[in-house]
C-alpha atoms as a PDB file:
ATOM      1  CA  MET A   1     -40.741  12.185 -33.209  1.00  0.00           C
ATOM      2  CA  SER A   2     -38.152  14.515 -31.997  1.00  0.00           C
ATOM      3  CA  GLY A   3     -35.071  13.033 -30.204  1.00  0.00           C
ATOM      4  CA  ASP A   4     -35.512   9.405 -32.571  1.00  0.00           C
ATOM      5  CA  SER A   5     -33.632   6.775 -31.497  1.00  0.00           C
ATOM      6  CA  SER A   6     -32.929   3.374 -31.981  1.00  0.00           C
ATOM      7  CA  GLU A   7     -34.279   1.847 -28.777  1.00  0.00           C
ATOM      8  CA  PRO A   8     -37.833   3.165 -27.764  1.00  0.00           C
ATOM      9  CA  TYR A   9     -37.554   3.340 -24.442  1.00  0.00           C
ATOM     10  CA  PRO A  10     -33.324   3.482 -22.369  1.00  0.00           C
ATOM     11  CA  ALA A  11     -31.968   0.532 -20.605  1.00  0.00           C
ATOM     12  CA  ARG A  12     -33.575  -0.253 -17.041  1.00  0.00           C
ATOM     13  CA  GLN A  13     -31.384  -1.149 -14.408  1.00  0.00           C
ATOM     14  CA  PRO A  14     -32.546  -3.609 -12.481  1.00  0.00           C
ATOM     15  CA  TYR A  15     -33.889  -3.000  -9.537  1.00  0.00           C
ATOM     16  CA  GLY A  16     -31.297  -2.165  -6.649  1.00  0.00           C
ATOM     17  CA  VAL A  17     -28.826  -1.868  -9.021  1.00  0.00           C
ATOM     18  CA  ARG A  18     -26.820   1.724  -9.629  1.00  0.00           C
ATOM     19  CA  PRO A  19     -24.145   2.014 -12.890  1.00  0.00           C
ATOM     20  CA  ALA A  20     -20.730   2.084 -11.232  1.00  0.00           C
ATOM     21  CA  SER A  21     -19.560   5.471  -9.555  1.00  0.00           C
ATOM     22  CA  TRP A  22     -15.979   6.593 -11.449  1.00  0.00           C
ATOM     23  CA  SER A  23     -15.948   9.252  -8.524  1.00  0.00           C
ATOM     24  CA  GLY A  24     -16.514   9.921  -5.289  1.00  0.00           C
ATOM     25  CA  TYR A  25     -16.810   6.813  -2.965  1.00  0.00           C
ATOM     26  CA  HIS A  26     -15.857   4.360  -4.552  1.00  0.00           C
ATOM     27  CA  ARG A  27     -12.756   6.119  -6.234  1.00  0.00           C
ATOM     28  CA  ALA A  28     -11.353   7.579  -3.543  1.00  0.00           C
ATOM     29  CA  LEU A  29     -11.751   3.730  -2.205  1.00  0.00           C
ATOM     30  CA  ARG A  30      -9.795   2.269  -4.964  1.00  0.00           C
ATOM     31  CA  VAL A  31      -7.309   4.920  -4.709  1.00  0.00           C
ATOM     32  CA  LEU A  32      -6.930   3.916  -0.813  1.00  0.00           C
ATOM     33  CA  ARG A  33      -6.893   0.358  -1.304  1.00  0.00           C
ATOM     34  CA  ARG A  34      -4.211   1.094  -3.977  1.00  0.00           C
ATOM     35  CA  ALA A  35      -2.224   2.952  -1.428  1.00  0.00           C
ATOM     36  CA  CYS A  36      -2.743   0.806   1.386  1.00  0.00           C
ATOM     37  CA  ARG A  37      -0.867  -1.774  -1.057  1.00  0.00           C
ATOM     38  CA  TRP A  38       1.839   0.004  -1.966  1.00  0.00           C
ATOM     39  CA  GLN A  39       2.459   0.959   1.484  1.00  0.00           C
ATOM     40  CA  ARG A  40       2.721  -2.298   3.236  1.00  0.00           C
ATOM     41  CA  ARG A  41       5.063  -3.784  -0.084  1.00  0.00           C
ATOM     42  CA  ALA A  42       7.619  -1.023   0.151  1.00  0.00           C
ATOM     43  CA  ALA A  43       7.380  -1.446   4.414  1.00  0.00           C
ATOM     44  CA  THR A  44       7.858  -5.241   3.671  1.00  0.00           C
ATOM     45  CA  PHE A  45      10.592  -4.941   1.060  1.00  0.00           C
ATOM     46  CA  ALA A  46      12.466  -3.324   3.123  1.00  0.00           C
ATOM     47  CA  ALA A  47      12.664  -5.326   5.716  1.00  0.00           C
ATOM     48  CA  LEU A  48      12.306  -8.668   4.212  1.00  0.00           C
ATOM     49  CA  GLY A  49      14.635  -7.608   1.810  1.00  0.00           C
ATOM     50  CA  TYR A  50      18.112  -7.322   3.623  1.00  0.00           C
ATOM     51  CA  PHE A  51      16.705 -10.627   5.375  1.00  0.00           C
ATOM     52  CA  ALA A  52      16.783 -12.809   2.414  1.00  0.00           C
ATOM     53  CA  VAL A  53      20.638 -10.613   1.389  1.00  0.00           C
ATOM     54  CA  PHE A  54      21.524 -12.060   4.978  1.00  0.00           C
ATOM     55  CA  LEU A  55      20.867 -15.368   4.109  1.00  0.00           C
ATOM     56  CA  ALA A  56      22.187 -15.450   0.927  1.00  0.00           C
ATOM     57  CA  LEU A  57      25.482 -14.097   1.741  1.00  0.00           C
ATOM     58  CA  THR A  58      25.179 -16.550   4.532  1.00  0.00           C
ATOM     59  CA  VAL A  59      25.024 -19.316   1.926  1.00  0.00           C
ATOM     60  CA  GLU A  60      26.626 -18.355  -1.395  1.00  0.00           C
ATOM     61  CA  ALA A  61      29.560 -16.220   0.749  1.00  0.00           C
ATOM     62  CA  PRO A  62      30.486 -18.423   3.895  1.00  0.00           C
ATOM     63  CA  ALA A  63      34.161 -16.782   3.837  1.00  0.00           C
ATOM     64  CA  LEU A  64      33.272 -13.362   3.819  1.00  0.00           C
ATOM     65  CA  MET A  65      31.044 -13.960   6.689  1.00  0.00           C
ATOM     66  CA  ALA A  66      33.424 -15.495   8.097  1.00  0.00           C
ATOM     67  CA  ARG A  67      36.109 -12.216   7.540  1.00  0.00           C
ATOM     68  CA  PRO A  68      36.071  -9.815  10.776  1.00  0.00           C
ATOM     69  CA  ALA A  69      34.240  -6.773  10.485  1.00  0.00           C
ATOM     70  CA  PRO A  70      35.775  -3.875  11.203  1.00  0.00           C
ATOM     71  CA  GLY A  71      35.468  -3.862  15.223  1.00  0.00           C
ATOM     72  CA  GLY A  72      36.663  -7.385  15.758  1.00  0.00           C
ATOM     73  CA  LEU A  73      33.483  -9.494  15.327  1.00  0.00           C
ATOM     74  CA  PRO A  74      32.729 -11.413  12.212  1.00  0.00           C
ATOM     75  CA  THR A  75      30.994  -9.636   9.014  1.00  0.00           C
ATOM     76  CA  GLY A  76      28.377 -12.558   9.186  1.00  0.00           C
ATOM     77  CA  LEU A  77      27.738 -11.197  13.542  1.00  0.00           C
ATOM     78  CA  LEU A  78      27.458  -7.378  12.165  1.00  0.00           C
ATOM     79  CA  LEU A  79      24.649  -7.947   9.223  1.00  0.00           C
ATOM     80  CA  ALA A  80      22.873 -10.040  11.741  1.00  0.00           C
ATOM     81  CA  LEU A  81      23.063  -7.312  14.577  1.00  0.00           C
ATOM     82  CA  LEU A  82      21.712  -4.944  12.131  1.00  0.00           C
ATOM     83  CA  GLN A  83      19.010  -6.636  11.261  1.00  0.00           C
ATOM     84  CA  VAL A  84      17.586  -4.569  14.155  1.00  0.00           C
ATOM     85  CA  PRO A  85      18.216  -1.470  12.967  1.00  0.00           C
ATOM     86  CA  VAL A  86      16.978  -2.745   9.437  1.00  0.00           C
ATOM     87  CA  THR A  87      13.566  -3.385  10.841  1.00  0.00           C
ATOM     88  CA  TRP A  88      12.828  -0.757  13.060  1.00  0.00           C
ATOM     89  CA  ALA A  89      13.694   1.223  10.252  1.00  0.00           C
ATOM     90  CA  ALA A  90      11.078  -0.483   8.110  1.00  0.00           C
ATOM     91  CA  VAL A  91       9.034   0.392  10.803  1.00  0.00           C
ATOM     92  CA  ILE A  92       9.309   4.154  10.822  1.00  0.00           C
ATOM     93  CA  LEU A  93       9.188   3.929   7.066  1.00  0.00           C
ATOM     94  CA  PHE A  94       5.535   2.143   7.379  1.00  0.00           C
ATOM     95  CA  GLU A  95       4.952   5.234  10.138  1.00  0.00           C
ATOM     96  CA  TYR A  96       6.072   7.908   7.225  1.00  0.00           C
ATOM     97  CA  LEU A  97       4.340   6.431   4.441  1.00  0.00           C
ATOM     98  CA  SER A  98       1.234   5.825   6.268  1.00  0.00           C
ATOM     99  CA  GLY A  99       1.212   9.637   7.376  1.00  0.00           C
ATOM    100  CA  ARG A 100       2.148  11.346   4.516  1.00  0.00           C
ATOM    101  CA  TYR A 101       0.046   9.732   1.942  1.00  0.00           C
ATOM    102  CA  VAL A 102      -2.570   6.469   3.114  1.00  0.00           C
ATOM    103  CA  ASP A 103      -4.137   9.137   6.120  1.00  0.00           C
ATOM    104  CA  PRO A 104      -5.325  11.444   4.475  1.00  0.00           C
ATOM    105  CA  LEU A 105      -6.552   9.515   2.007  1.00  0.00           C
ATOM    106  CA  ALA A 106      -8.158   6.960   5.113  1.00  0.00           C
ATOM    107  CA  ARG A 107      -9.874  10.936   5.991  1.00  0.00           C
ATOM    108  CA  ARG A 108     -10.963  11.748   2.023  1.00  0.00           C
ATOM    109  CA  VAL A 109     -13.278   8.284   2.320  1.00  0.00           C
ATOM    110  CA  GLY A 110     -13.930   9.677   5.521  1.00  0.00           C
ATOM    111  CA  GLY A 111     -15.803  11.958   4.717  1.00  0.00           C
ATOM    112  CA  TYR A 112     -17.781  10.453   1.435  1.00  0.00           C
ATOM    113  CA  ALA A 113     -21.373   8.774   3.061  1.00  0.00           C
ATOM    114  CA  ARG A 114     -21.524   5.016   2.348  1.00  0.00           C
ATOM    115  CA  PRO A 115     -22.891   4.110  -1.080  1.00  0.00           C
ATOM    116  CA  GLY A 116     -26.472   3.476  -0.069  1.00  0.00           C
ATOM    117  CA  ASP A 117     -27.036   7.085   1.082  1.00  0.00           C
ATOM    118  CA  GLY A 118     -25.217   8.732  -1.934  1.00  0.00           C
ATOM    119  CA  ASP A 119     -22.175   9.925  -2.727  1.00  0.00           C
ATOM    120  CA  ARG A 120     -21.452  13.371  -1.666  1.00  0.00           C
ATOM    121  CA  LYS A 121     -18.287  15.433  -1.697  1.00  0.00           C
ATOM    122  CA  PRO A 122     -16.379  15.754   1.227  1.00  0.00           C
ATOM    123  CA  PRO A 123     -16.061  18.549   3.625  1.00  0.00           C
ATOM    124  CA  GLU A 124     -13.156  20.829   2.781  1.00  0.00           C
END
């Protein structure tokens, strides 16, 4: 026989099971999920990181927090009031990263057919 191989027939896939696709819809979906996770981590770190630093300073350096800051307010109160703009900055960071990285990926995934419909390229 020409093209002789060690197995007489190719391995059969169970009915309804397709081999994993490393391109197309599944790859785009994995990239989108990774971008969403990264975005959530960045925004969470921005908001909760500042709050954790504030709490650590309150516990570890109470004398620093009681010291008057420029303007006459105690440093602790000034840092507490700054949490509102830091939270807004985290929201703005989240929106910026979403528009810059996640939304284009979501549009790309939306351009693919569902896996049952067969993979097709997104519209250009």
